[in-house]
Amino acid sequence: MRFLVLVVLMTSTVIPVPAQTTTAAQNYRTGRQLEAANRMAEAEYYYNEAIRICRDEIEGNRATADSYVILAWTLQRKDQYRNVIEWGELGLRLYRNEYRLVEIMGEAYFYLNEYSRSLVNMQLYVDSLPQGERVPTAYFFMGEIYLLQRKYRRADIAYTAATWLEPSNSLWWYRCGLARERSGDTETAAEAFERSLRIYPGYSEARAGLERVRTTR
């Protein structure tokens, strides 16, 4: 019985690894995995360790560009958007071409409702690093900003770019359909809603959008 309890505990709980044996990047990745599994209490431990390691590297003059990038990414996961921008700006003073900081600051500006600044950062990131890992996400945020600004054609272009680069995201197809619907293009809006539903058949908002545009065609 005692053995069974031990097995259950080992399989249901992540045992923290001593910080000195892991890097900030490893702690950040573990935190992301736990967050994706809805295990936020455990994720917080690893996020805090990632932040601590990055701060130690910066304060000890051992920092690299990755120290600032991982710090900003981790602060973003903790919704500390002003801190993301503060550390991002400090990092860019040392590493002016570190466009990963530009992109994550763009996301932070978006969540702070500073849409003009967010748009500038996202456009700079896409223009400067067209093959960057976060380019699809940058286009999505650009689409969100244009949608909020009621610039529906521009939103359509941005969402279309995002879905072309990453076609398996049902949310992005839904938002693309919404932009097209609001611009009056019900034919292509229906196509976008249908793509969203193929990926996630239970997406009720996409289903409702498809029904709306079908009745107006």
N, C-alpha and C. Protein backbone atom coordinates (compact mmCIF):
# COMPACT_ATOMS: atom_id res chain seq x y z
N MET A 1 0.84 -1.20 0.00
CA MET A 1 0.00 0.00 0.00
C MET A 1 0.88 1.25 0.00
N ARG A 2 1.93 1.25 0.83
CA ARG A 2 2.83 2.39 0.89
C ARG A 2 3.51 2.60 -0.46
N PHE A 3 3.85 1.51 -1.15
CA PHE A 3 4.47 1.58 -2.48
C PHE A 3 3.50 2.19 -3.49
N LEU A 4 2.22 1.80 -3.41
CA LEU A 4 1.20 2.31 -4.33
C LEU A 4 1.03 3.82 -4.16
N VAL A 5 1.00 4.30 -2.92
CA VAL A 5 0.87 5.72 -2.65
C VAL A 5 2.04 6.48 -3.24
N LEU A 6 3.24 5.92 -3.12
CA LEU A 6 4.43 6.56 -3.65
C LEU A 6 4.37 6.67 -5.16
N VAL A 7 3.90 5.61 -5.82
CA VAL A 7 3.78 5.62 -7.28
C VAL A 7 2.79 6.68 -7.72
N VAL A 8 1.65 6.77 -7.04
CA VAL A 8 0.63 7.76 -7.39
C VAL A 8 1.18 9.17 -7.26
N LEU A 9 1.89 9.43 -6.18
CA LEU A 9 2.45 10.75 -5.96
C LEU A 9 3.48 11.11 -7.02
N MET A 10 4.28 10.14 -7.42
CA MET A 10 5.33 10.40 -8.40
C MET A 10 4.76 10.65 -9.78
N THR A 11 3.64 10.03 -10.10
CA THR A 11 3.06 10.19 -11.43
C THR A 11 2.11 11.38 -11.53
N SER A 12 1.66 11.92 -10.40
CA SER A 12 0.69 13.01 -10.45
C SER A 12 1.29 14.36 -10.09
N THR A 13 2.54 14.40 -9.67
CA THR A 13 3.15 15.64 -9.22
C THR A 13 4.51 15.82 -9.87
N VAL A 14 4.77 17.02 -10.37
CA VAL A 14 6.10 17.33 -10.88
C VAL A 14 6.98 17.71 -9.70
N ILE A 15 8.07 16.99 -9.53
CA ILE A 15 8.99 17.27 -8.44
C ILE A 15 9.97 18.33 -8.90
N PRO A 16 10.01 19.50 -8.27
CA PRO A 16 10.89 20.56 -8.72
C PRO A 16 12.34 20.11 -8.80
N VAL A 17 13.00 20.47 -9.90
CA VAL A 17 14.42 20.17 -10.06
C VAL A 17 15.21 21.33 -9.49
N PRO A 18 16.25 21.08 -8.73
CA PRO A 18 17.04 22.18 -8.18
C PRO A 18 17.47 23.14 -9.29
N ALA A 19 17.32 24.44 -9.01
CA ALA A 19 17.51 25.44 -10.06
C ALA A 19 18.91 25.39 -10.66
N GLN A 20 19.94 25.04 -9.85
CA GLN A 20 21.30 25.09 -10.36
C GLN A 20 21.56 24.03 -11.42
N THR A 21 20.68 23.04 -11.56
CA THR A 21 20.88 21.99 -12.56
C THR A 21 20.13 22.27 -13.85
N THR A 22 19.35 23.34 -13.90
CA THR A 22 18.57 23.65 -15.09
C THR A 22 18.82 25.08 -15.52
N THR A 23 18.61 25.33 -16.82
CA THR A 23 18.76 26.68 -17.35
C THR A 23 17.43 27.41 -17.29
N ALA A 24 17.48 28.71 -17.52
CA ALA A 24 16.24 29.49 -17.57
C ALA A 24 15.33 28.99 -18.68
N ALA A 25 15.92 28.65 -19.82
CA ALA A 25 15.12 28.16 -20.95
C ALA A 25 14.41 26.86 -20.60
N GLN A 26 15.11 25.97 -19.91
CA GLN A 26 14.50 24.70 -19.51
C GLN A 26 13.35 24.92 -18.53
N ASN A 27 13.55 25.82 -17.59
CA ASN A 27 12.48 26.13 -16.64
C ASN A 27 11.28 26.75 -17.35
N TYR A 28 11.54 27.64 -18.29
CA TYR A 28 10.46 28.26 -19.04
C TYR A 28 9.67 27.22 -19.83
N ARG A 29 10.38 26.31 -20.52
CA ARG A 29 9.69 25.29 -21.32
C ARG A 29 8.86 24.37 -20.43
N THR A 30 9.40 24.00 -19.29
CA THR A 30 8.63 23.15 -18.37
C THR A 30 7.39 23.88 -17.88
N GLY A 31 7.53 25.16 -17.58
CA GLY A 31 6.37 25.95 -17.16
C GLY A 31 5.30 25.99 -18.23
N ARG A 32 5.70 26.17 -19.48
CA ARG A 32 4.74 26.19 -20.58
C ARG A 32 3.99 24.87 -20.70
N GLN A 33 4.73 23.76 -20.57
CA GLN A 33 4.11 22.44 -20.66
C GLN A 33 3.09 22.24 -19.55
N LEU A 34 3.44 22.66 -18.34
CA LEU A 34 2.52 22.52 -17.22
C LEU A 34 1.31 23.45 -17.36
N GLU A 35 1.54 24.65 -17.85
CA GLU A 35 0.43 25.56 -18.08
C GLU A 35 -0.53 24.99 -19.12
N ALA A 36 0.01 24.40 -20.18
CA ALA A 36 -0.83 23.80 -21.22
C ALA A 36 -1.65 22.65 -20.66
N ALA A 37 -1.15 22.01 -19.61
CA ALA A 37 -1.87 20.91 -18.96
C ALA A 37 -2.76 21.40 -17.82
N ASN A 38 -2.95 22.74 -17.73
CA ASN A 38 -3.78 23.34 -16.67
C ASN A 38 -3.24 23.05 -15.28
N ARG A 39 -1.93 23.03 -15.15
CA ARG A 39 -1.29 22.80 -13.85
C ARG A 39 -0.51 24.06 -13.47
N MET A 40 -1.26 25.15 -13.30
CA MET A 40 -0.64 26.45 -13.14
C MET A 40 0.14 26.59 -11.84
N ALA A 41 -0.31 25.94 -10.78
CA ALA A 41 0.43 26.06 -9.52
C ALA A 41 1.86 25.55 -9.68
N GLU A 42 1.99 24.45 -10.43
CA GLU A 42 3.32 23.89 -10.68
C GLU A 42 4.07 24.73 -11.70
N ALA A 43 3.35 25.23 -12.69
CA ALA A 43 3.98 26.07 -13.71
C ALA A 43 4.61 27.31 -13.08
N GLU A 44 3.94 27.89 -12.09
CA GLU A 44 4.44 29.09 -11.44
C GLU A 44 5.84 28.88 -10.86
N TYR A 45 6.07 27.70 -10.28
CA TYR A 45 7.40 27.42 -9.72
C TYR A 45 8.46 27.56 -10.80
N TYR A 46 8.24 26.95 -11.93
CA TYR A 46 9.23 26.97 -13.00
C TYR A 46 9.36 28.34 -13.63
N TYR A 47 8.25 29.05 -13.77
CA TYR A 47 8.33 30.41 -14.28
C TYR A 47 9.15 31.29 -13.34
N ASN A 48 8.91 31.16 -12.05
CA ASN A 48 9.65 31.96 -11.09
C ASN A 48 11.14 31.63 -11.11
N GLU A 49 11.46 30.34 -11.31
CA GLU A 49 12.87 29.94 -11.41
C GLU A 49 13.51 30.53 -12.66
N ALA A 50 12.77 30.52 -13.77
CA ALA A 50 13.31 31.10 -15.00
C ALA A 50 13.60 32.58 -14.80
N ILE A 51 12.69 33.29 -14.15
CA ILE A 51 12.89 34.71 -13.89
C ILE A 51 14.09 34.93 -12.99
N ARG A 52 14.20 34.12 -11.94
CA ARG A 52 15.31 34.28 -11.01
C ARG A 52 16.66 34.07 -11.70
N ILE A 53 16.74 33.03 -12.53
CA ILE A 53 18.00 32.73 -13.21
C ILE A 53 18.37 33.86 -14.16
N CYS A 54 17.39 34.35 -14.92
CA CYS A 54 17.67 35.46 -15.85
C CYS A 54 18.12 36.70 -15.11
N ARG A 55 17.43 37.02 -14.01
CA ARG A 55 17.82 38.21 -13.23
C ARG A 55 19.22 38.05 -12.67
N ASP A 56 19.55 36.84 -12.20
CA ASP A 56 20.90 36.59 -11.68
C ASP A 56 21.95 36.78 -12.77
N GLU A 57 21.64 36.32 -13.98
CA GLU A 57 22.58 36.48 -15.09
C GLU A 57 22.77 37.94 -15.44
N ILE A 58 21.69 38.70 -15.44
CA ILE A 58 21.78 40.12 -15.78
C ILE A 58 22.53 40.89 -14.71
N GLU A 59 22.17 40.65 -13.46
CA GLU A 59 22.81 41.37 -12.36
C GLU A 59 24.26 40.96 -12.16
N GLY A 60 24.60 39.74 -12.57
CA GLY A 60 25.98 39.27 -12.46
C GLY A 60 26.80 39.50 -13.70
N ASN A 61 26.29 40.32 -14.63
CA ASN A 61 26.99 40.63 -15.87
C ASN A 61 27.35 39.38 -16.67
N ARG A 62 26.48 38.38 -16.60
CA ARG A 62 26.68 37.14 -17.36
C ARG A 62 25.57 36.95 -18.39
N ALA A 63 24.83 38.01 -18.63
CA ALA A 63 23.64 37.89 -19.48
C ALA A 63 24.00 37.80 -20.95
N THR A 64 23.17 37.07 -21.68
CA THR A 64 23.19 37.05 -23.14
C THR A 64 21.85 37.61 -23.63
N ALA A 65 21.69 37.68 -24.92
CA ALA A 65 20.39 38.11 -25.46
C ALA A 65 19.28 37.20 -24.97
N ASP A 66 19.58 35.90 -24.88
CA ASP A 66 18.57 34.94 -24.43
C ASP A 66 18.10 35.24 -23.01
N SER A 67 18.97 35.78 -22.18
CA SER A 67 18.57 36.12 -20.80
C SER A 67 17.41 37.11 -20.82
N TYR A 68 17.50 38.13 -21.66
CA TYR A 68 16.44 39.13 -21.75
C TYR A 68 15.19 38.57 -22.44
N VAL A 69 15.40 37.76 -23.47
CA VAL A 69 14.27 37.20 -24.20
C VAL A 69 13.47 36.26 -23.31
N ILE A 70 14.14 35.35 -22.64
CA ILE A 70 13.44 34.38 -21.79
C ILE A 70 12.78 35.09 -20.61
N LEU A 71 13.44 36.10 -20.08
CA LEU A 71 12.84 36.88 -18.99
C LEU A 71 11.55 37.53 -19.48
N ALA A 72 11.59 38.15 -20.65
CA ALA A 72 10.39 38.81 -21.19
C ALA A 72 9.30 37.80 -21.49
N TRP A 73 9.64 36.67 -22.09
CA TRP A 73 8.65 35.62 -22.38
C TRP A 73 7.97 35.15 -21.10
N THR A 74 8.78 34.95 -20.06
CA THR A 74 8.23 34.41 -18.80
C THR A 74 7.34 35.43 -18.12
N LEU A 75 7.76 36.68 -18.10
CA LEU A 75 6.93 37.72 -17.52
C LEU A 75 5.60 37.85 -18.27
N GLN A 76 5.64 37.62 -19.57
CA GLN A 76 4.42 37.64 -20.37
C GLN A 76 3.45 36.54 -19.92
N ARG A 77 3.97 35.34 -19.64
CA ARG A 77 3.11 34.25 -19.19
C ARG A 77 2.47 34.58 -17.85
N LYS A 78 3.10 35.46 -17.07
CA LYS A 78 2.57 35.86 -15.76
C LYS A 78 1.77 37.16 -15.84
N ASP A 79 1.46 37.60 -17.08
CA ASP A 79 0.64 38.80 -17.31
C ASP A 79 1.27 40.08 -16.76
N GLN A 80 2.58 40.10 -16.67
CA GLN A 80 3.28 41.29 -16.17
C GLN A 80 3.75 42.12 -17.36
N TYR A 81 2.80 42.75 -18.04
CA TYR A 81 3.07 43.36 -19.33
C TYR A 81 3.98 44.58 -19.24
N ARG A 82 3.83 45.40 -18.22
CA ARG A 82 4.71 46.56 -18.07
C ARG A 82 6.15 46.10 -17.84
N ASN A 83 6.32 45.04 -17.10
CA ASN A 83 7.66 44.52 -16.87
C ASN A 83 8.26 43.94 -18.15
N VAL A 84 7.41 43.34 -18.98
CA VAL A 84 7.88 42.84 -20.28
C VAL A 84 8.49 43.99 -21.07
N ILE A 85 7.78 45.10 -21.12
CA ILE A 85 8.25 46.25 -21.89
C ILE A 85 9.52 46.85 -21.28
N GLU A 86 9.54 46.95 -19.95
CA GLU A 86 10.71 47.51 -19.28
C GLU A 86 11.97 46.70 -19.57
N TRP A 87 11.87 45.37 -19.40
CA TRP A 87 13.04 44.53 -19.64
C TRP A 87 13.34 44.41 -21.13
N GLY A 88 12.31 44.46 -21.94
CA GLY A 88 12.53 44.43 -23.38
C GLY A 88 13.33 45.64 -23.84
N GLU A 89 12.98 46.81 -23.34
CA GLU A 89 13.71 48.03 -23.70
C GLU A 89 15.16 47.96 -23.24
N LEU A 90 15.37 47.44 -22.04
CA LEU A 90 16.75 47.30 -21.54
C LEU A 90 17.54 46.33 -22.42
N GLY A 91 16.89 45.24 -22.81
CA GLY A 91 17.57 44.27 -23.66
C GLY A 91 17.91 44.84 -25.02
N LEU A 92 17.01 45.65 -25.59
CA LEU A 92 17.24 46.22 -26.91
C LEU A 92 18.35 47.28 -26.90
N ARG A 93 18.61 47.86 -25.74
CA ARG A 93 19.73 48.79 -25.67
C ARG A 93 21.05 48.06 -25.89
N LEU A 94 21.10 46.82 -25.47
CA LEU A 94 22.32 46.02 -25.62
C LEU A 94 22.32 45.20 -26.90
N TYR A 95 21.14 44.73 -27.29
CA TYR A 95 21.02 43.86 -28.45
C TYR A 95 19.95 44.46 -29.38
N ARG A 96 20.34 45.47 -30.13
CA ARG A 96 19.37 46.27 -30.88
C ARG A 96 18.67 45.48 -31.98
N ASN A 97 19.26 44.40 -32.43
CA ASN A 97 18.66 43.59 -33.48
C ASN A 97 18.01 42.31 -32.94
N GLU A 98 17.70 42.29 -31.66
CA GLU A 98 17.04 41.12 -31.06
C GLU A 98 15.53 41.28 -31.26
N TYR A 99 15.06 40.82 -32.42
CA TYR A 99 13.67 41.07 -32.80
C TYR A 99 12.68 40.21 -32.03
N ARG A 100 13.17 39.18 -31.35
CA ARG A 100 12.26 38.42 -30.47
C ARG A 100 11.73 39.32 -29.36
N LEU A 101 12.55 40.24 -28.90
CA LEU A 101 12.10 41.21 -27.90
C LEU A 101 11.08 42.18 -28.50
N VAL A 102 11.30 42.57 -29.73
CA VAL A 102 10.36 43.46 -30.41
C VAL A 102 8.98 42.82 -30.48
N GLU A 103 8.93 41.54 -30.84
CA GLU A 103 7.65 40.86 -30.98
C GLU A 103 6.94 40.70 -29.63
N ILE A 104 7.65 40.25 -28.61
CA ILE A 104 6.98 40.02 -27.32
C ILE A 104 6.54 41.34 -26.71
N MET A 105 7.27 42.42 -26.95
CA MET A 105 6.83 43.73 -26.50
C MET A 105 5.56 44.15 -27.25
N GLY A 106 5.48 43.77 -28.53
CA GLY A 106 4.26 44.04 -29.28
C GLY A 106 3.05 43.37 -28.68
N GLU A 107 3.22 42.14 -28.21
CA GLU A 107 2.12 41.44 -27.55
C GLU A 107 1.76 42.14 -26.24
N ALA A 108 2.77 42.55 -25.49
CA ALA A 108 2.50 43.23 -24.22
C ALA A 108 1.74 44.54 -24.45
N TYR A 109 2.16 45.30 -25.44
CA TYR A 109 1.44 46.54 -25.77
C TYR A 109 -0.01 46.24 -26.14
N PHE A 110 -0.24 45.14 -26.86
CA PHE A 110 -1.61 44.78 -27.25
C PHE A 110 -2.46 44.56 -26.01
N TYR A 111 -1.96 43.79 -25.05
CA TYR A 111 -2.75 43.48 -23.86
C TYR A 111 -2.91 44.69 -22.94
N LEU A 112 -2.08 45.70 -23.15
CA LEU A 112 -2.23 46.97 -22.41
C LEU A 112 -3.12 47.95 -23.17
N ASN A 113 -3.71 47.48 -24.29
CA ASN A 113 -4.59 48.30 -25.13
C ASN A 113 -3.86 49.46 -25.79
N GLU A 114 -2.55 49.33 -25.95
CA GLU A 114 -1.76 50.34 -26.65
C GLU A 114 -1.54 49.83 -28.08
N TYR A 115 -2.60 49.92 -28.86
CA TYR A 115 -2.63 49.22 -30.15
C TYR A 115 -1.69 49.82 -31.18
N SER A 116 -1.51 51.12 -31.18
CA SER A 116 -0.60 51.74 -32.16
C SER A 116 0.83 51.26 -31.94
N ARG A 117 1.25 51.22 -30.70
CA ARG A 117 2.60 50.73 -30.40
C ARG A 117 2.73 49.25 -30.71
N SER A 118 1.70 48.50 -30.41
CA SER A 118 1.72 47.07 -30.71
C SER A 118 1.89 46.85 -32.21
N LEU A 119 1.14 47.60 -33.00
CA LEU A 119 1.19 47.45 -34.46
C LEU A 119 2.57 47.79 -35.00
N VAL A 120 3.19 48.84 -34.48
CA VAL A 120 4.53 49.22 -34.92
C VAL A 120 5.51 48.08 -34.65
N ASN A 121 5.42 47.48 -33.45
CA ASN A 121 6.33 46.39 -33.11
C ASN A 121 6.11 45.17 -33.99
N MET A 122 4.84 44.82 -34.22
CA MET A 122 4.55 43.64 -35.03
C MET A 122 5.02 43.82 -36.47
N GLN A 123 4.81 45.01 -37.02
CA GLN A 123 5.25 45.28 -38.39
C GLN A 123 6.77 45.26 -38.48
N LEU A 124 7.44 45.81 -37.48
CA LEU A 124 8.90 45.80 -37.47
C LEU A 124 9.43 44.36 -37.40
N TYR A 125 8.80 43.55 -36.57
CA TYR A 125 9.24 42.16 -36.43
C TYR A 125 9.08 41.42 -37.75
N VAL A 126 7.92 41.54 -38.38
CA VAL A 126 7.66 40.84 -39.65
C VAL A 126 8.61 41.31 -40.73
N ASP A 127 8.84 42.62 -40.82
CA ASP A 127 9.71 43.17 -41.85
C ASP A 127 11.17 42.77 -41.63
N SER A 128 11.57 42.70 -40.37
CA SER A 128 12.98 42.45 -40.06
C SER A 128 13.33 40.98 -40.00
N LEU A 129 12.34 40.14 -39.67
CA LEU A 129 12.61 38.72 -39.50
C LEU A 129 11.49 37.92 -40.19
N PRO A 130 11.40 38.00 -41.53
CA PRO A 130 10.26 37.40 -42.24
C PRO A 130 10.14 35.90 -42.08
N GLN A 131 11.21 35.23 -41.71
CA GLN A 131 11.16 33.79 -41.46
C GLN A 131 11.11 33.47 -39.97
N GLY A 132 10.86 34.46 -39.15
CA GLY A 132 10.87 34.27 -37.70
C GLY A 132 9.77 33.33 -37.23
N GLU A 133 10.03 32.66 -36.14
CA GLU A 133 9.09 31.68 -35.59
C GLU A 133 7.75 32.30 -35.22
N ARG A 134 7.76 33.57 -34.82
CA ARG A 134 6.54 34.21 -34.34
C ARG A 134 5.84 35.04 -35.41
N VAL A 135 6.28 34.94 -36.65
CA VAL A 135 5.65 35.72 -37.71
C VAL A 135 4.16 35.42 -37.85
N PRO A 136 3.71 34.15 -37.85
CA PRO A 136 2.26 33.91 -37.92
C PRO A 136 1.50 34.59 -36.79
N THR A 137 2.05 34.52 -35.58
CA THR A 137 1.41 35.16 -34.43
C THR A 137 1.38 36.67 -34.58
N ALA A 138 2.46 37.23 -35.11
CA ALA A 138 2.51 38.67 -35.33
C ALA A 138 1.42 39.11 -36.30
N TYR A 139 1.24 38.35 -37.37
CA TYR A 139 0.17 38.68 -38.32
C TYR A 139 -1.20 38.58 -37.65
N PHE A 140 -1.37 37.58 -36.79
CA PHE A 140 -2.66 37.44 -36.09
C PHE A 140 -2.94 38.67 -35.23
N PHE A 141 -1.95 39.13 -34.47
CA PHE A 141 -2.15 40.31 -33.64
C PHE A 141 -2.43 41.55 -34.50
N MET A 142 -1.77 41.66 -35.64
CA MET A 142 -2.06 42.75 -36.55
C MET A 142 -3.52 42.69 -37.01
N GLY A 143 -3.99 41.48 -37.32
CA GLY A 143 -5.39 41.32 -37.69
C GLY A 143 -6.33 41.74 -36.57
N GLU A 144 -6.00 41.37 -35.34
CA GLU A 144 -6.82 41.75 -34.20
C GLU A 144 -6.90 43.27 -34.04
N ILE A 145 -5.77 43.93 -34.24
CA ILE A 145 -5.75 45.39 -34.10
C ILE A 145 -6.59 46.04 -35.19
N TYR A 146 -6.41 45.60 -36.42
CA TYR A 146 -7.19 46.17 -37.53
C TYR A 146 -8.69 45.89 -37.35
N LEU A 147 -9.01 44.73 -36.80
CA LEU A 147 -10.43 44.42 -36.56
C LEU A 147 -11.00 45.38 -35.53
N LEU A 148 -10.25 45.64 -34.46
CA LEU A 148 -10.70 46.59 -33.45
C LEU A 148 -10.83 47.99 -34.02
N GLN A 149 -9.98 48.33 -34.98
CA GLN A 149 -10.02 49.65 -35.61
C GLN A 149 -11.04 49.73 -36.75
N ARG A 150 -11.74 48.63 -36.99
CA ARG A 150 -12.74 48.52 -38.05
C ARG A 150 -12.14 48.70 -39.44
N LYS A 151 -10.90 48.34 -39.57
CA LYS A 151 -10.23 48.32 -40.87
C LYS A 151 -10.28 46.88 -41.37
N TYR A 152 -11.44 46.49 -41.85
CA TYR A 152 -11.73 45.08 -42.08
C TYR A 152 -10.93 44.47 -43.23
N ARG A 153 -10.67 45.23 -44.27
CA ARG A 153 -9.87 44.71 -45.38
C ARG A 153 -8.45 44.43 -44.93
N ARG A 154 -7.88 45.35 -44.15
CA ARG A 154 -6.53 45.13 -43.64
C ARG A 154 -6.51 43.94 -42.66
N ALA A 155 -7.55 43.84 -41.88
CA ALA A 155 -7.64 42.71 -40.96
C ALA A 155 -7.68 41.40 -41.73
N ASP A 156 -8.46 41.36 -42.80
CA ASP A 156 -8.55 40.18 -43.65
C ASP A 156 -7.17 39.80 -44.17
N ILE A 157 -6.42 40.78 -44.68
CA ILE A 157 -5.08 40.52 -45.23
C ILE A 157 -4.17 39.93 -44.16
N ALA A 158 -4.20 40.52 -42.96
CA ALA A 158 -3.33 40.05 -41.87
C ALA A 158 -3.72 38.64 -41.42
N TYR A 159 -5.01 38.40 -41.22
CA TYR A 159 -5.46 37.06 -40.82
C TYR A 159 -5.15 36.02 -41.90
N THR A 160 -5.33 36.41 -43.16
CA THR A 160 -5.05 35.49 -44.26
C THR A 160 -3.58 35.09 -44.25
N ALA A 161 -2.70 36.05 -44.00
CA ALA A 161 -1.27 35.74 -43.90
C ALA A 161 -1.00 34.78 -42.74
N ALA A 162 -1.65 35.04 -41.61
CA ALA A 162 -1.46 34.17 -40.44
C ALA A 162 -1.91 32.75 -40.72
N THR A 163 -3.09 32.59 -41.34
CA THR A 163 -3.63 31.26 -41.60
C THR A 163 -2.88 30.55 -42.72
N TRP A 164 -2.31 31.31 -43.65
CA TRP A 164 -1.51 30.70 -44.70
C TRP A 164 -0.25 30.09 -44.11
N LEU A 165 0.35 30.79 -43.13
CA LEU A 165 1.57 30.30 -42.50
C LEU A 165 1.30 29.21 -41.47
N GLU A 166 0.13 29.28 -40.84
CA GLU A 166 -0.23 28.29 -39.81
C GLU A 166 -1.70 27.92 -40.00
N PRO A 167 -1.98 27.00 -40.93
CA PRO A 167 -3.37 26.74 -41.34
C PRO A 167 -4.20 25.90 -40.39
N SER A 168 -3.62 25.43 -39.30
CA SER A 168 -4.35 24.51 -38.42
C SER A 168 -4.96 25.19 -37.19
N ASN A 169 -5.00 26.51 -37.18
CA ASN A 169 -5.50 27.24 -36.01
C ASN A 169 -6.95 27.65 -36.26
N SER A 170 -7.88 27.00 -35.59
CA SER A 170 -9.31 27.26 -35.83
C SER A 170 -9.71 28.67 -35.42
N LEU A 171 -9.12 29.20 -34.34
CA LEU A 171 -9.43 30.57 -33.91
C LEU A 171 -9.08 31.57 -35.00
N TRP A 172 -7.91 31.40 -35.59
CA TRP A 172 -7.47 32.36 -36.60
C TRP A 172 -8.38 32.35 -37.82
N TRP A 173 -8.83 31.16 -38.23
CA TRP A 173 -9.76 31.08 -39.35
C TRP A 173 -11.09 31.75 -38.99
N TYR A 174 -11.54 31.55 -37.76
CA TYR A 174 -12.79 32.20 -37.32
C TYR A 174 -12.67 33.71 -37.37
N ARG A 175 -11.57 34.24 -36.86
CA ARG A 175 -11.39 35.70 -36.85
C ARG A 175 -11.25 36.24 -38.28
N CYS A 176 -10.62 35.45 -39.14
CA CYS A 176 -10.53 35.82 -40.55
C CYS A 176 -11.94 35.90 -41.16
N GLY A 177 -12.77 34.91 -40.86
CA GLY A 177 -14.14 34.92 -41.34
C GLY A 177 -14.91 36.12 -40.83
N LEU A 178 -14.66 36.49 -39.59
CA LEU A 178 -15.35 37.64 -39.00
C LEU A 178 -14.97 38.93 -39.73
N ALA A 179 -13.68 39.09 -40.02
CA ALA A 179 -13.24 40.29 -40.74
C ALA A 179 -13.87 40.34 -42.13
N ARG A 180 -13.92 39.20 -42.80
CA ARG A 180 -14.50 39.16 -44.14
C ARG A 180 -16.01 39.43 -44.09
N GLU A 181 -16.66 38.86 -43.08
CA GLU A 181 -18.10 39.11 -42.94
C GLU A 181 -18.37 40.59 -42.75
N ARG A 182 -17.59 41.25 -41.91
CA ARG A 182 -17.83 42.65 -41.62
C ARG A 182 -17.47 43.56 -42.78
N SER A 183 -16.62 43.08 -43.67
CA SER A 183 -16.30 43.85 -44.86
C SER A 183 -17.34 43.63 -45.96
N GLY A 184 -18.29 42.70 -45.73
CA GLY A 184 -19.33 42.43 -46.69
C GLY A 184 -19.03 41.30 -47.65
N ASP A 185 -17.89 40.63 -47.47
CA ASP A 185 -17.49 39.54 -48.37
C ASP A 185 -17.97 38.21 -47.79
N THR A 186 -19.26 37.94 -47.96
CA THR A 186 -19.85 36.76 -47.31
C THR A 186 -19.37 35.45 -47.93
N GLU A 187 -19.00 35.47 -49.20
CA GLU A 187 -18.55 34.24 -49.87
C GLU A 187 -17.26 33.71 -49.23
N THR A 188 -16.26 34.58 -49.13
CA THR A 188 -14.98 34.14 -48.54
C THR A 188 -15.10 34.01 -47.02
N ALA A 189 -16.01 34.76 -46.41
CA ALA A 189 -16.25 34.61 -44.97
C ALA A 189 -16.74 33.19 -44.68
N ALA A 190 -17.66 32.70 -45.50
CA ALA A 190 -18.17 31.34 -45.33
C ALA A 190 -17.04 30.32 -45.45
N GLU A 191 -16.13 30.54 -46.40
CA GLU A 191 -15.00 29.63 -46.57
C GLU A 191 -14.13 29.59 -45.31
N ALA A 192 -13.89 30.76 -44.72
CA ALA A 192 -13.06 30.83 -43.52
C ALA A 192 -13.76 30.15 -42.34
N PHE A 193 -15.06 30.39 -42.16
CA PHE A 193 -15.79 29.74 -41.08
C PHE A 193 -15.80 28.21 -41.27
N GLU A 194 -15.94 27.78 -42.51
CA GLU A 194 -15.93 26.34 -42.79
C GLU A 194 -14.57 25.73 -42.46
N ARG A 195 -13.48 26.43 -42.78
CA ARG A 195 -12.15 25.94 -42.44
C ARG A 195 -11.99 25.83 -40.93
N SER A 196 -12.51 26.81 -40.22
CA SER A 196 -12.43 26.78 -38.76
C SER A 196 -13.16 25.55 -38.21
N LEU A 197 -14.32 25.27 -38.77
CA LEU A 197 -15.13 24.14 -38.29
C LEU A 197 -14.54 22.80 -38.68
N ARG A 198 -13.81 22.74 -39.78
CA ARG A 198 -13.13 21.49 -40.13
C ARG A 198 -12.07 21.13 -39.09
N ILE A 199 -11.43 22.16 -38.58
CA ILE A 199 -10.38 21.94 -37.57
C ILE A 199 -11.00 21.64 -36.21
N TYR A 200 -12.06 22.36 -35.87
CA TYR A 200 -12.71 22.19 -34.57
C TYR A 200 -14.22 22.21 -34.78
N PRO A 201 -14.82 21.07 -35.02
CA PRO A 201 -16.26 21.00 -35.32
C PRO A 201 -17.16 21.55 -34.23
N GLY A 202 -16.66 21.61 -33.00
CA GLY A 202 -17.47 22.11 -31.90
C GLY A 202 -17.38 23.60 -31.67
N TYR A 203 -16.79 24.33 -32.59
CA TYR A 203 -16.59 25.77 -32.43
C TYR A 203 -17.92 26.48 -32.69
N SER A 204 -18.65 26.80 -31.63
CA SER A 204 -20.00 27.34 -31.76
C SER A 204 -20.02 28.72 -32.42
N GLU A 205 -19.01 29.56 -32.14
CA GLU A 205 -18.98 30.89 -32.75
C GLU A 205 -18.78 30.80 -34.26
N ALA A 206 -17.93 29.89 -34.69
CA ALA A 206 -17.72 29.70 -36.13
C ALA A 206 -18.98 29.15 -36.79
N ARG A 207 -19.67 28.25 -36.10
CA ARG A 207 -20.94 27.70 -36.61
C ARG A 207 -21.97 28.82 -36.77
N ALA A 208 -22.06 29.68 -35.77
CA ALA A 208 -23.01 30.79 -35.84
C ALA A 208 -22.64 31.75 -36.97
N GLY A 209 -21.33 32.01 -37.14
CA GLY A 209 -20.89 32.87 -38.21
C GLY A 209 -21.24 32.31 -39.58
N LEU A 210 -21.06 31.01 -39.74
CA LEU A 210 -21.39 30.37 -41.01
C LEU A 210 -22.89 30.46 -41.30
N GLU A 211 -23.68 30.27 -40.28
CA GLU A 211 -25.14 30.37 -40.47
C GLU A 211 -25.54 31.80 -40.83
N ARG A 212 -24.89 32.78 -40.23
CA ARG A 212 -25.21 34.19 -40.54
C ARG A 212 -24.93 34.51 -42.00
N VAL A 213 -23.73 34.14 -42.46
CA VAL A 213 -23.36 34.54 -43.84
C VAL A 213 -24.16 33.72 -44.87
N ARG A 214 -24.55 32.52 -44.51
CA ARG A 214 -25.34 31.72 -45.44
C ARG A 214 -26.71 32.35 -45.68
N THR A 215 -27.26 32.97 -44.64
CA THR A 215 -28.59 33.57 -44.79
C THR A 215 -28.56 34.88 -45.58
N THR A 216 -27.36 35.46 -45.73
CA THR A 216 -27.27 36.73 -46.45
C THR A 216 -26.72 36.56 -47.85
N ARG A 217 -26.38 35.32 -48.23
CA ARG A 217 -25.82 35.09 -49.57
C ARG A 217 -26.91 34.94 -50.62
